[in-house]
Amino acid sequence: MNNEIKIVQSPISIDELRQIAAKTFGDMVKIVVDLEKGIMAAGGELHADEEAILLDHGSKQNDLWGANIYINEPRDSWLVYDSMINLRPSQGNLLRTVQSSEIRDKITQVVNKLIQ
């Protein structure tokens, strides 16, 4: 599996997202979103790999949240907020799923800004 992770800082097309998906899981792209910087990493085999790249680029752990985009689903339901990196008892998130609707909304906003 190609593990080419892309840091998305400016908008990409849905076709570019499909190309990223084709190199990994086919119909799904793992992403890690930096809520503070408004950027995301996409295309890793593991959310932890994407998280590590963003940390290397100056992101802060508390700002990073993992999710999956199912590219063949309708855009209003294509995000699944599930990742091992979301297990954060110190931030009140006790599950792999992002429990805070406020954080889920912020993730959605960043994704919608970056994928056009």
PDB file of N, CA and C in Angstrom:
ATOM      1  N   MET A   1       0.846  -1.184   0.000  1.00  0.00           N
ATOM      2  CA  MET A   1       0.000   0.000   0.000  1.00  0.00           C
ATOM      3  C   MET A   1       0.890   1.245   0.000  1.00  0.00           C
ATOM      4  N   ASN A   2       0.620   2.134  -0.916  1.00  0.00           N
ATOM      5  CA  ASN A   2       1.389   3.382  -0.991  1.00  0.00           C
ATOM      6  C   ASN A   2       1.046   4.233   0.216  1.00  0.00           C
ATOM      7  N   ASN A   3       2.052   4.685   0.922  1.00  0.00           N
ATOM      8  CA  ASN A   3       1.816   5.438   2.152  1.00  0.00           C
ATOM      9  C   ASN A   3       2.225   6.899   1.965  1.00  0.00           C
ATOM     10  N   GLU A   4       1.841   7.481   0.833  1.00  0.00           N
ATOM     11  CA  GLU A   4       2.183   8.856   0.513  1.00  0.00           C
ATOM     12  C   GLU A   4       1.179   9.803   1.172  1.00  0.00           C
ATOM     13  N   ILE A   5       1.622  10.465   2.226  1.00  0.00           N
ATOM     14  CA  ILE A   5       0.745  11.355   2.976  1.00  0.00           C
ATOM     15  C   ILE A   5       0.885  12.769   2.431  1.00  0.00           C
ATOM     16  N   LYS A   6      -0.248  13.388   2.186  1.00  0.00           N
ATOM     17  CA  LYS A   6      -0.284  14.747   1.655  1.00  0.00           C
ATOM     18  C   LYS A   6      -0.796  15.688   2.738  1.00  0.00           C
ATOM     19  N   ILE A   7      -0.061  16.775   2.971  1.00  0.00           N
ATOM     20  CA  ILE A   7      -0.562  17.829   3.853  1.00  0.00           C
ATOM     21  C   ILE A   7      -1.358  18.787   2.976  1.00  0.00           C
ATOM     22  N   VAL A   8      -2.627  18.942   3.309  1.00  0.00           N
ATOM     23  CA  VAL A   8      -3.530  19.785   2.519  1.00  0.00           C
ATOM     24  C   VAL A   8      -3.700  21.118   3.246  1.00  0.00           C
ATOM     25  N   GLN A   9      -3.140  22.169   2.638  1.00  0.00           N
ATOM     26  CA  GLN A   9      -3.200  23.506   3.234  1.00  0.00           C
ATOM     27  C   GLN A   9      -4.072  24.455   2.422  1.00  0.00           C
ATOM     28  N   SER A  10      -4.285  24.104   1.151  1.00  0.00           N
ATOM     29  CA  SER A  10      -5.162  24.893   0.291  1.00  0.00           C
ATOM     30  C   SER A  10      -6.103  23.908  -0.401  1.00  0.00           C
ATOM     31  N   PRO A  11      -7.230  24.393  -0.900  1.00  0.00           N
ATOM     32  CA  PRO A  11      -8.257  23.483  -1.419  1.00  0.00           C
ATOM     33  C   PRO A  11      -7.764  22.537  -2.513  1.00  0.00           C
ATOM     34  N   ILE A  12      -8.249  21.297  -2.421  1.00  0.00           N
ATOM     35  CA  ILE A  12      -8.018  20.283  -3.445  1.00  0.00           C
ATOM     36  C   ILE A  12      -9.387  19.878  -4.004  1.00  0.00           C
ATOM     37  N   SER A  13      -9.366  19.269  -5.177  1.00  0.00           N
ATOM     38  CA  SER A  13     -10.617  18.836  -5.800  1.00  0.00           C
ATOM     39  C   SER A  13     -11.018  17.461  -5.284  1.00  0.00           C
ATOM     40  N   ILE A  14     -12.273  17.124  -5.508  1.00  0.00           N
ATOM     41  CA  ILE A  14     -12.756  15.794  -5.152  1.00  0.00           C
ATOM     42  C   ILE A  14     -12.008  14.743  -5.977  1.00  0.00           C
ATOM     43  N   ASP A  15     -11.610  15.098  -7.201  1.00  0.00           N
ATOM     44  CA  ASP A  15     -10.834  14.163  -8.026  1.00  0.00           C
ATOM     45  C   ASP A  15      -9.473  13.868  -7.395  1.00  0.00           C
ATOM     46  N   GLU A  16      -8.836  14.898  -6.832  1.00  0.00           N
ATOM     47  CA  GLU A  16      -7.559  14.675  -6.134  1.00  0.00           C
ATOM     48  C   GLU A  16      -7.763  13.762  -4.928  1.00  0.00           C
ATOM     49  N   LEU A  17      -8.876  13.961  -4.225  1.00  0.00           N
ATOM     50  CA  LEU A  17      -9.183  13.105  -3.076  1.00  0.00           C
ATOM     51  C   LEU A  17      -9.403  11.661  -3.534  1.00  0.00           C
ATOM     52  N   ARG A  18     -10.064  11.488  -4.663  1.00  0.00           N
ATOM     53  CA  ARG A  18     -10.274  10.138  -5.213  1.00  0.00           C
ATOM     54  C   ARG A  18      -8.929   9.480  -5.562  1.00  0.00           C
ATOM     55  N   GLN A  19      -7.989  10.269  -6.085  1.00  0.00           N
ATOM     56  CA  GLN A  19      -6.660   9.736  -6.403  1.00  0.00           C
ATOM     57  C   GLN A  19      -5.939   9.283  -5.138  1.00  0.00           C
ATOM     58  N   ILE A  20      -6.072  10.067  -4.065  1.00  0.00           N
ATOM     59  CA  ILE A  20      -5.478   9.678  -2.782  1.00  0.00           C
ATOM     60  C   ILE A  20      -6.109   8.377  -2.305  1.00  0.00           C
ATOM     61  N   ALA A  21      -7.438   8.275  -2.405  1.00  0.00           N
ATOM     62  CA  ALA A  21      -8.142   7.062  -1.973  1.00  0.00           C
ATOM     63  C   ALA A  21      -7.703   5.850  -2.782  1.00  0.00           C
ATOM     64  N   ALA A  22      -7.524   6.046  -4.089  1.00  0.00           N
ATOM     65  CA  ALA A  22      -7.142   4.935  -4.971  1.00  0.00           C
ATOM     66  C   ALA A  22      -5.796   4.328  -4.578  1.00  0.00           C
ATOM     67  N   LYS A  23      -4.925   5.127  -3.984  1.00  0.00           N
ATOM     68  CA  LYS A  23      -3.592   4.647  -3.588  1.00  0.00           C
ATOM     69  C   LYS A  23      -3.615   3.914  -2.250  1.00  0.00           C
ATOM     70  N   THR A  24      -4.724   4.041  -1.503  1.00  0.00           N
ATOM     71  CA  THR A  24      -4.771   3.413  -0.180  1.00  0.00           C
ATOM     72  C   THR A  24      -5.945   2.442  -0.064  1.00  0.00           C
ATOM     73  N   PHE A  25      -7.111   2.927   0.355  1.00  0.00           N
ATOM     74  CA  PHE A  25      -8.223   2.049   0.701  1.00  0.00           C
ATOM     75  C   PHE A  25      -9.312   1.968  -0.363  1.00  0.00           C
ATOM     76  N   GLY A  26      -9.142   2.658  -1.485  1.00  0.00           N
ATOM     77  CA  GLY A  26     -10.111   2.583  -2.572  1.00  0.00           C
ATOM     78  C   GLY A  26     -11.244   3.581  -2.455  1.00  0.00           C
ATOM     79  N   ASP A  27     -12.115   3.371  -1.475  1.00  0.00           N
ATOM     80  CA  ASP A  27     -13.281   4.248  -1.326  1.00  0.00           C
ATOM     81  C   ASP A  27     -13.222   5.099  -0.065  1.00  0.00           C
ATOM     82  N   MET A  28     -12.097   5.060   0.629  1.00  0.00           N
ATOM     83  CA  MET A  28     -11.978   5.771   1.905  1.00  0.00           C
ATOM     84  C   MET A  28     -10.595   6.400   2.022  1.00  0.00           C
ATOM     85  N   VAL A  29     -10.562   7.585   2.632  1.00  0.00           N
ATOM     86  CA  VAL A  29      -9.304   8.277   2.900  1.00  0.00           C
ATOM     87  C   VAL A  29      -9.251   8.576   4.393  1.00  0.00           C
ATOM     88  N   LYS A  30      -8.171   8.159   5.028  1.00  0.00           N
ATOM     89  CA  LYS A  30      -7.952   8.539   6.426  1.00  0.00           C
ATOM     90  C   LYS A  30      -7.390   9.956   6.441  1.00  0.00           C
ATOM     91  N   ILE A  31      -7.896  10.764   7.363  1.00  0.00           N
ATOM     92  CA  ILE A  31      -7.413  12.142   7.490  1.00  0.00           C
ATOM     93  C   ILE A  31      -7.163  12.460   8.951  1.00  0.00           C
ATOM     94  N   VAL A  32      -6.265  13.410   9.174  1.00  0.00           N
ATOM     95  CA  VAL A  32      -6.083  14.021  10.488  1.00  0.00           C
ATOM     96  C   VAL A  32      -6.170  15.518  10.271  1.00  0.00           C
ATOM     97  N   VAL A  33      -7.054  16.148  11.020  1.00  0.00           N
ATOM     98  CA  VAL A  33      -7.319  17.570  10.864  1.00  0.00           C
ATOM     99  C   VAL A  33      -6.701  18.343  12.022  1.00  0.00           C
ATOM    100  N   ASP A  34      -6.024  19.438  11.699  1.00  0.00           N
ATOM    101  CA  ASP A  34      -5.509  20.377  12.695  1.00  0.00           C
ATOM    102  C   ASP A  34      -6.536  21.505  12.784  1.00  0.00           C
ATOM    103  N   LEU A  35      -7.299  21.525  13.865  1.00  0.00           N
ATOM    104  CA  LEU A  35      -8.379  22.501  14.003  1.00  0.00           C
ATOM    105  C   LEU A  35      -7.863  23.917  14.161  1.00  0.00           C
ATOM    106  N   GLU A  36      -6.697  24.082  14.736  1.00  0.00           N
ATOM    107  CA  GLU A  36      -6.131  25.415  14.951  1.00  0.00           C
ATOM    108  C   GLU A  36      -5.589  26.009  13.655  1.00  0.00           C
ATOM    109  N   LYS A  37      -4.861  25.205  12.885  1.00  0.00           N
ATOM    110  CA  LYS A  37      -4.244  25.690  11.648  1.00  0.00           C
ATOM    111  C   LYS A  37      -5.174  25.604  10.442  1.00  0.00           C
ATOM    112  N   GLY A  38      -6.259  24.829  10.564  1.00  0.00           N
ATOM    113  CA  GLY A  38      -7.177  24.686   9.442  1.00  0.00           C
ATOM    114  C   GLY A  38      -6.600  23.894   8.289  1.00  0.00           C
ATOM    115  N   ILE A  39      -5.747  22.907   8.608  1.00  0.00           N
ATOM    116  CA  ILE A  39      -5.138  22.059   7.584  1.00  0.00           C
ATOM    117  C   ILE A  39      -5.433  20.605   7.912  1.00  0.00           C
ATOM    118  N   MET A  40      -5.075  19.721   6.983  1.00  0.00           N
ATOM    119  CA  MET A  40      -5.237  18.296   7.269  1.00  0.00           C
ATOM    120  C   MET A  40      -4.176  17.497   6.533  1.00  0.00           C
ATOM    121  N   ALA A  41      -3.940  16.307   7.048  1.00  0.00           N
ATOM    122  CA  ALA A  41      -3.084  15.331   6.371  1.00  0.00           C
ATOM    123  C   ALA A  41      -4.003  14.231   5.865  1.00  0.00           C
ATOM    124  N   ALA A  42      -3.722  13.724   4.669  1.00  0.00           N
ATOM    125  CA  ALA A  42      -4.563  12.702   4.059  1.00  0.00           C
ATOM    126  C   ALA A  42      -3.699  11.672   3.357  1.00  0.00           C
ATOM    127  N   GLY A  43      -4.192  10.446   3.303  1.00  0.00           N
ATOM    128  CA  GLY A  43      -3.555   9.418   2.498  1.00  0.00           C
ATOM    129  C   GLY A  43      -2.683   8.439   3.250  1.00  0.00           C
ATOM    130  N   GLY A  44      -2.669   8.494   4.547  1.00  0.00           N
ATOM    131  CA  GLY A  44      -1.863   7.546   5.303  1.00  0.00           C
ATOM    132  C   GLY A  44      -2.571   6.227   5.526  1.00  0.00           C
ATOM    133  N   GLU A  45      -1.789   5.212   5.800  1.00  0.00           N
ATOM    134  CA  GLU A  45      -2.358   3.919   6.138  1.00  0.00           C
ATOM    135  C   GLU A  45      -2.910   3.947   7.561  1.00  0.00           C
ATOM    136  N   LEU A  46      -2.264   4.749   8.415  1.00  0.00           N
ATOM    137  CA  LEU A  46      -2.701   4.903   9.804  1.00  0.00           C
ATOM    138  C   LEU A  46      -2.872   6.384  10.124  1.00  0.00           C
ATOM    139  N   HIS A  47      -3.885   6.698  10.918  1.00  0.00           N
ATOM    140  CA  HIS A  47      -4.044   8.077  11.379  1.00  0.00           C
ATOM    141  C   HIS A  47      -2.793   8.525  12.138  1.00  0.00           C
ATOM    142  N   ALA A  48      -2.169   7.598  12.856  1.00  0.00           N
ATOM    143  CA  ALA A  48      -0.982   7.943  13.646  1.00  0.00           C
ATOM    144  C   ALA A  48       0.162   8.438  12.756  1.00  0.00           C
ATOM    145  N   ASP A  49       0.270   7.906  11.540  1.00  0.00           N
ATOM    146  CA  ASP A  49       1.308   8.363  10.606  1.00  0.00           C
ATOM    147  C   ASP A  49       1.045   9.807  10.190  1.00  0.00           C
ATOM    148  N   GLU A  50      -0.209  10.116   9.906  1.00  0.00           N
ATOM    149  CA  GLU A  50      -0.583  11.475   9.514  1.00  0.00           C
ATOM    150  C   GLU A  50      -0.394  12.438  10.681  1.00  0.00           C
ATOM    151  N   GLU A  51      -0.768  11.968  11.851  1.00  0.00           N
ATOM    152  CA  GLU A  51      -0.591  12.771  13.066  1.00  0.00           C
ATOM    153  C   GLU A  51       0.887  13.109  13.267  1.00  0.00           C
ATOM    154  N   ALA A  52       1.757  12.137  13.089  1.00  0.00           N
ATOM    155  CA  ALA A  52       3.203  12.348  13.272  1.00  0.00           C
ATOM    156  C   ALA A  52       3.736  13.392  12.295  1.00  0.00           C
ATOM    157  N   ILE A  53       3.282  13.345  11.048  1.00  0.00           N
ATOM    158  CA  ILE A  53       3.742  14.328  10.056  1.00  0.00           C
ATOM    159  C   ILE A  53       3.285  15.728  10.443  1.00  0.00           C
ATOM    160  N   LEU A  54       2.035  15.862  10.877  1.00  0.00           N
ATOM    161  CA  LEU A  54       1.547  17.185  11.282  1.00  0.00           C
ATOM    162  C   LEU A  54       2.290  17.691  12.517  1.00  0.00           C
ATOM    163  N   LEU A  55       2.582  16.802  13.457  1.00  0.00           N
ATOM    164  CA  LEU A  55       3.359  17.206  14.637  1.00  0.00           C
ATOM    165  C   LEU A  55       4.753  17.686  14.215  1.00  0.00           C
ATOM    166  N   ASP A  56       5.351  16.997  13.244  1.00  0.00           N
ATOM    167  CA  ASP A  56       6.658  17.406  12.720  1.00  0.00           C
ATOM    168  C   ASP A  56       6.601  18.772  12.035  1.00  0.00           C
ATOM    169  N   HIS A  57       5.417  19.153  11.570  1.00  0.00           N
ATOM    170  CA  HIS A  57       5.229  20.444  10.898  1.00  0.00           C
ATOM    171  C   HIS A  57       4.673  21.509  11.841  1.00  0.00           C
ATOM    172  N   GLY A  58       4.778  21.266  13.149  1.00  0.00           N
ATOM    173  CA  GLY A  58       4.437  22.305  14.113  1.00  0.00           C
ATOM    174  C   GLY A  58       3.038  22.271  14.691  1.00  0.00           C
ATOM    175  N   SER A  59       2.253  21.269  14.348  1.00  0.00           N
ATOM    176  CA  SER A  59       0.921  21.161  14.943  1.00  0.00           C
ATOM    177  C   SER A  59       1.040  20.749  16.408  1.00  0.00           C
ATOM    178  N   LYS A  60      -0.006  21.047  17.168  1.00  0.00           N
ATOM    179  CA  LYS A  60      -0.058  20.661  18.583  1.00  0.00           C
ATOM    180  C   LYS A  60      -1.020  19.488  18.740  1.00  0.00           C
ATOM    181  N   GLN A  61      -0.630  18.540  19.566  1.00  0.00           N
ATOM    182  CA  GLN A  61      -1.407  17.310  19.773  1.00  0.00           C
ATOM    183  C   GLN A  61      -2.889  17.589  20.054  1.00  0.00           C
ATOM    184  N   ASN A  62      -3.186  18.540  20.917  1.00  0.00           N
ATOM    185  CA  ASN A  62      -4.566  18.798  21.308  1.00  0.00           C
ATOM    186  C   ASN A  62      -5.437  19.304  20.165  1.00  0.00           C
ATOM    187  N   ASP A  63      -4.810  19.789  19.085  1.00  0.00           N
ATOM    188  CA  ASP A  63      -5.551  20.330  17.944  1.00  0.00           C
ATOM    189  C   ASP A  63      -5.839  19.282  16.866  1.00  0.00           C
ATOM    190  N   LEU A  64      -5.279  18.072  17.009  1.00  0.00           N
ATOM    191  CA  LEU A  64      -5.362  17.056  15.958  1.00  0.00           C
ATOM    192  C   LEU A  64      -6.431  16.015  16.250  1.00  0.00           C
ATOM    193  N   TRP A  65      -7.275  15.786  15.245  1.00  0.00           N
ATOM    194  CA  TRP A  65      -8.357  14.807  15.371  1.00  0.00           C
ATOM    195  C   TRP A  65      -8.421  13.968  14.099  1.00  0.00           C
ATOM    196  N   GLY A  66      -8.667  12.677  14.256  1.00  0.00           N
ATOM    197  CA  GLY A  66      -8.719  11.764  13.120  1.00  0.00           C
ATOM    198  C   GLY A  66     -10.136  11.471  12.668  1.00  0.00           C
ATOM    199  N   ALA A  67     -10.265  11.240  11.370  1.00  0.00           N
ATOM    200  CA  ALA A  67     -11.552  10.884  10.781  1.00  0.00           C
ATOM    201  C   ALA A  67     -11.296  10.136   9.475  1.00  0.00           C
ATOM    202  N   ASN A  68     -12.363   9.622   8.894  1.00  0.00           N
ATOM    203  CA  ASN A  68     -12.301   8.954   7.608  1.00  0.00           C
ATOM    204  C   ASN A  68     -13.311   9.605   6.676  1.00  0.00           C
ATOM    205  N   ILE A  69     -12.932   9.760   5.410  1.00  0.00           N
ATOM    206  CA  ILE A  69     -13.844  10.263   4.394  1.00  0.00           C
ATOM    207  C   ILE A  69     -14.164   9.104   3.456  1.00  0.00           C
ATOM    208  N   TYR A  70     -15.445   8.771   3.364  1.00  0.00           N
ATOM    209  CA  TYR A  70     -15.916   7.746   2.427  1.00  0.00           C
ATOM    210  C   TYR A  70     -16.366   8.476   1.170  1.00  0.00           C
ATOM    211  N   ILE A  71     -15.505   8.467   0.156  1.00  0.00           N
ATOM    212  CA  ILE A  71     -15.664   9.365  -0.990  1.00  0.00           C
ATOM    213  C   ILE A  71     -16.882   9.076  -1.854  1.00  0.00           C
ATOM    214  N   ASN A  72     -17.446   7.885  -1.766  1.00  0.00           N
ATOM    215  CA  ASN A  72     -18.617   7.565  -2.583  1.00  0.00           C
ATOM    216  C   ASN A  72     -19.934   7.855  -1.863  1.00  0.00           C
ATOM    217  N   GLU A  73     -19.852   8.298  -0.640  1.00  0.00           N
ATOM    218  CA  GLU A  73     -21.061   8.636   0.126  1.00  0.00           C
ATOM    219  C   GLU A  73     -21.447  10.087  -0.152  1.00  0.00           C
ATOM    220  N   PRO A  74     -22.711  10.439   0.105  1.00  0.00           N
ATOM    221  CA  PRO A  74     -23.097  11.853  -0.033  1.00  0.00           C
ATOM    222  C   PRO A  74     -22.251  12.720   0.896  1.00  0.00           C
ATOM    223  N   ARG A  75     -21.926  13.906   0.417  1.00  0.00           N
ATOM    224  CA  ARG A  75     -21.001  14.772   1.152  1.00  0.00           C
ATOM    225  C   ARG A  75     -21.473  15.080   2.571  1.00  0.00           C
ATOM    226  N   ASP A  76     -22.769  15.160   2.795  1.00  0.00           N
ATOM    227  CA  ASP A  76     -23.263  15.484   4.138  1.00  0.00           C
ATOM    228  C   ASP A  76     -23.155  14.310   5.111  1.00  0.00           C
ATOM    229  N   SER A  77     -22.751  13.141   4.598  1.00  0.00           N
ATOM    230  CA  SER A  77     -22.598  11.990   5.499  1.00  0.00           C
ATOM    231  C   SER A  77     -21.330  11.181   5.214  1.00  0.00           C
ATOM    232  N   TRP A  78     -20.374  11.768   4.503  1.00  0.00           N
ATOM    233  CA  TRP A  78     -19.189  11.010   4.114  1.00  0.00           C
ATOM    234  C   TRP A  78     -18.117  10.955   5.194  1.00  0.00           C
ATOM    235  N   LEU A  79     -18.223  11.792   6.227  1.00  0.00           N
ATOM    236  CA  LEU A  79     -17.223  11.811   7.305  1.00  0.00           C
ATOM    237  C   LEU A  79     -17.621  10.878   8.443  1.00  0.00           C
ATOM    238  N   VAL A  80     -16.654  10.069   8.870  1.00  0.00           N
ATOM    239  CA  VAL A  80     -16.821   9.231  10.062  1.00  0.00           C
ATOM    240  C   VAL A  80     -15.688   9.618  11.002  1.00  0.00           C
ATOM    241  N   TYR A  81     -16.051  10.091  12.183  1.00  0.00           N
ATOM    242  CA  TYR A  81     -15.091  10.678  13.121  1.00  0.00           C
ATOM    243  C   TYR A  81     -14.526   9.597  14.045  1.00  0.00           C
ATOM    244  N   ASP A  82     -13.812   8.650  13.462  1.00  0.00           N
ATOM    245  CA  ASP A  82     -13.348   7.487  14.210  1.00  0.00           C
ATOM    246  C   ASP A  82     -11.853   7.273  13.990  1.00  0.00           C
ATOM    247  N   SER A  83     -11.097   7.240  15.075  1.00  0.00           N
ATOM    248  CA  SER A  83      -9.662   6.988  14.991  1.00  0.00           C
ATOM    249  C   SER A  83      -9.124   6.694  16.388  1.00  0.00           C
ATOM    250  N   MET A  84      -8.110   5.855  16.437  1.00  0.00           N
ATOM    251  CA  MET A  84      -7.440   5.579  17.715  1.00  0.00           C
ATOM    252  C   MET A  84      -6.843   6.855  18.313  1.00  0.00           C
ATOM    253  N   ILE A  85      -6.407   7.797  17.464  1.00  0.00           N
ATOM    254  CA  ILE A  85      -5.785   9.009  18.003  1.00  0.00           C
ATOM    255  C   ILE A  85      -6.794   9.897  18.728  1.00  0.00           C
ATOM    256  N   ASN A  86      -8.085   9.601  18.566  1.00  0.00           N
ATOM    257  CA  ASN A  86      -9.114  10.399  19.243  1.00  0.00           C
ATOM    258  C   ASN A  86      -9.335   9.975  20.698  1.00  0.00           C
ATOM    259  N   LEU A  87      -8.730   8.880  21.113  1.00  0.00           N
ATOM    260  CA  LEU A  87      -8.841   8.452  22.513  1.00  0.00           C
ATOM    261  C   LEU A  87      -8.055   9.439  23.365  1.00  0.00           C
ATOM    262  N   ARG A  88      -8.773  10.348  24.030  1.00  0.00           N
ATOM    263  CA  ARG A  88      -8.116  11.422  24.778  1.00  0.00           C
ATOM    264  C   ARG A  88      -8.822  11.681  26.097  1.00  0.00           C
ATOM    265  N   PRO A  89      -8.595  10.859  27.087  1.00  0.00           N
ATOM    266  CA  PRO A  89      -9.240  11.106  28.380  1.00  0.00           C
ATOM    267  C   PRO A  89      -8.936  12.505  28.927  1.00  0.00           C
ATOM    268  N   SER A  90      -7.727  13.006  28.672  1.00  0.00           N
ATOM    269  CA  SER A  90      -7.353  14.329  29.192  1.00  0.00           C
ATOM    270  C   SER A  90      -8.180  15.446  28.568  1.00  0.00           C
ATOM    271  N   GLN A  91      -8.779  15.186  27.393  1.00  0.00           N
ATOM    272  CA  GLN A  91      -9.622  16.172  26.733  1.00  0.00           C
ATOM    273  C   GLN A  91     -11.097  15.757  26.782  1.00  0.00           C
ATOM    274  N   GLY A  92     -11.395  14.775  27.623  1.00  0.00           N
ATOM    275  CA  GLY A  92     -12.775  14.347  27.806  1.00  0.00           C
ATOM    276  C   GLY A  92     -13.310  13.461  26.696  1.00  0.00           C
ATOM    277  N   ASN A  93     -12.450  12.963  25.815  1.00  0.00           N
ATOM    278  CA  ASN A  93     -12.900  12.074  24.739  1.00  0.00           C
ATOM    279  C   ASN A  93     -12.452  10.653  25.085  1.00  0.00           C
ATOM    280  N   LEU A  94     -13.409   9.839  25.526  1.00  0.00           N
ATOM    281  CA  LEU A  94     -13.091   8.518  26.049  1.00  0.00           C
ATOM    282  C   LEU A  94     -13.237   7.399  25.021  1.00  0.00           C
ATOM    283  N   LEU A  95     -13.621   7.752  23.799  1.00  0.00           N
ATOM    284  CA  LEU A  95     -13.839   6.761  22.750  1.00  0.00           C
ATOM    285  C   LEU A  95     -13.007   7.085  21.520  1.00  0.00           C
ATOM    286  N   ARG A  96     -12.979   6.140  20.573  1.00  0.00           N
ATOM    287  CA  ARG A  96     -12.323   6.397  19.285  1.00  0.00           C
ATOM    288  C   ARG A  96     -13.088   7.439  18.485  1.00  0.00           C
ATOM    289  N   THR A  97     -14.383   7.508  18.719  1.00  0.00           N
ATOM    290  CA  THR A  97     -15.241   8.471  18.031  1.00  0.00           C
ATOM    291  C   THR A  97     -15.109   9.836  18.709  1.00  0.00           C
ATOM    292  N   VAL A  98     -15.129  10.895  17.911  1.00  0.00           N
ATOM    293  CA  VAL A  98     -15.115  12.250  18.475  1.00  0.00           C
ATOM    294  C   VAL A  98     -16.483  12.475  19.122  1.00  0.00           C
ATOM    295  N   GLN A  99     -16.483  12.639  20.431  1.00  0.00           N
ATOM    296  CA  GLN A  99     -17.737  12.744  21.168  1.00  0.00           C
ATOM    297  C   GLN A  99     -18.333  14.151  21.141  1.00  0.00           C
ATOM    298  N   SER A 100     -17.517  15.165  21.038  1.00  0.00           N
ATOM    299  CA  SER A 100     -17.981  16.549  21.075  1.00  0.00           C
ATOM    300  C   SER A 100     -18.559  16.970  19.729  1.00  0.00           C
ATOM    301  N   SER A 101     -19.823  17.382  19.721  1.00  0.00           N
ATOM    302  CA  SER A 101     -20.425  17.856  18.467  1.00  0.00           C
ATOM    303  C   SER A 101     -19.725  19.126  17.992  1.00  0.00           C
ATOM    304  N   GLU A 102     -19.208  19.926  18.915  1.00  0.00           N
ATOM    305  CA  GLU A 102     -18.481  21.145  18.541  1.00  0.00           C
ATOM    306  C   GLU A 102     -17.204  20.796  17.770  1.00  0.00           C
ATOM    307  N   ILE A 103     -16.472  19.802  18.247  1.00  0.00           N
ATOM    308  CA  ILE A 103     -15.242  19.378  17.556  1.00  0.00           C
ATOM    309  C   ILE A 103     -15.595  18.734  16.214  1.00  0.00           C
ATOM    310  N   ARG A 104     -16.633  17.897  16.175  1.00  0.00           N
ATOM    311  CA  ARG A 104     -17.056  17.304  14.895  1.00  0.00           C
ATOM    312  C   ARG A 104     -17.407  18.396  13.892  1.00  0.00           C
ATOM    313  N   ASP A 105     -18.123  19.427  14.338  1.00  0.00           N
ATOM    314  CA  ASP A 105     -18.483  20.537  13.444  1.00  0.00           C
ATOM    315  C   ASP A 105     -17.244  21.258  12.925  1.00  0.00           C
ATOM    316  N   LYS A 106     -16.246  21.447  13.780  1.00  0.00           N
ATOM    317  CA  LYS A 106     -15.007  22.107  13.353  1.00  0.00           C
ATOM    318  C   LYS A 106     -14.260  21.257  12.329  1.00  0.00           C
ATOM    319  N   ILE A 107     -14.220  19.941  12.549  1.00  0.00           N
ATOM    320  CA  ILE A 107     -13.584  19.034  11.588  1.00  0.00           C
ATOM    321  C   ILE A 107     -14.288  19.160  10.238  1.00  0.00           C
ATOM    322  N   THR A 108     -15.610  19.128  10.261  1.00  0.00           N
ATOM    323  CA  THR A 108     -16.399  19.235   9.027  1.00  0.00           C
ATOM    324  C   THR A 108     -16.115  20.546   8.312  1.00  0.00           C
ATOM    325  N   GLN A 109     -16.022  21.635   9.054  1.00  0.00           N
ATOM    326  CA  GLN A 109     -15.742  22.940   8.449  1.00  0.00           C
ATOM    327  C   GLN A 109     -14.392  22.948   7.744  1.00  0.00           C
ATOM    328  N   VAL A 110     -13.370  22.401   8.395  1.00  0.00           N
ATOM    329  CA  VAL A 110     -12.034  22.358   7.779  1.00  0.00           C
ATOM    330  C   VAL A 110     -12.063  21.493   6.520  1.00  0.00           C
ATOM    331  N   VAL A 111     -12.681  20.325   6.608  1.00  0.00           N
ATOM    332  CA  VAL A 111     -12.752  19.428   5.455  1.00  0.00           C
ATOM    333  C   VAL A 111     -13.491  20.093   4.305  1.00  0.00           C
ATOM    334  N   ASN A 112     -14.620  20.731   4.597  1.00  0.00           N
ATOM    335  CA  ASN A 112     -15.403  21.370   3.535  1.00  0.00           C
ATOM    336  C   ASN A 112     -14.664  22.544   2.904  1.00  0.00           C
ATOM    337  N   LYS A 113     -13.824  23.214   3.689  1.00  0.00           N
ATOM    338  CA  LYS A 113     -13.009  24.323   3.156  1.00  0.00           C
ATOM    339  C   LYS A 113     -11.900  23.787   2.249  1.00  0.00           C
ATOM    340  N   LEU A 114     -11.340  22.625   2.602  1.00  0.00           N
ATOM    341  CA  LEU A 114     -10.163  22.106   1.888  1.00  0.00           C
ATOM    342  C   LEU A 114     -10.502  21.181   0.718  1.00  0.00           C
ATOM    343  N   ILE A 115     -11.714  20.652   0.666  1.00  0.00           N
ATOM    344  CA  ILE A 115     -12.083  19.771  -0.442  1.00  0.00           C
ATOM    345  C   ILE A 115     -13.223  20.426  -1.203  1.00  0.00           C
ATOM    346  N   GLN A 116     -12.940  20.795  -2.445  1.00  0.00           N
ATOM    347  CA  GLN A 116     -13.928  21.546  -3.235  1.00  0.00           C
ATOM    348  C   GLN A 116     -14.363  20.794  -4.467  1.00  0.00           C
TER     349      GLN A 116
END
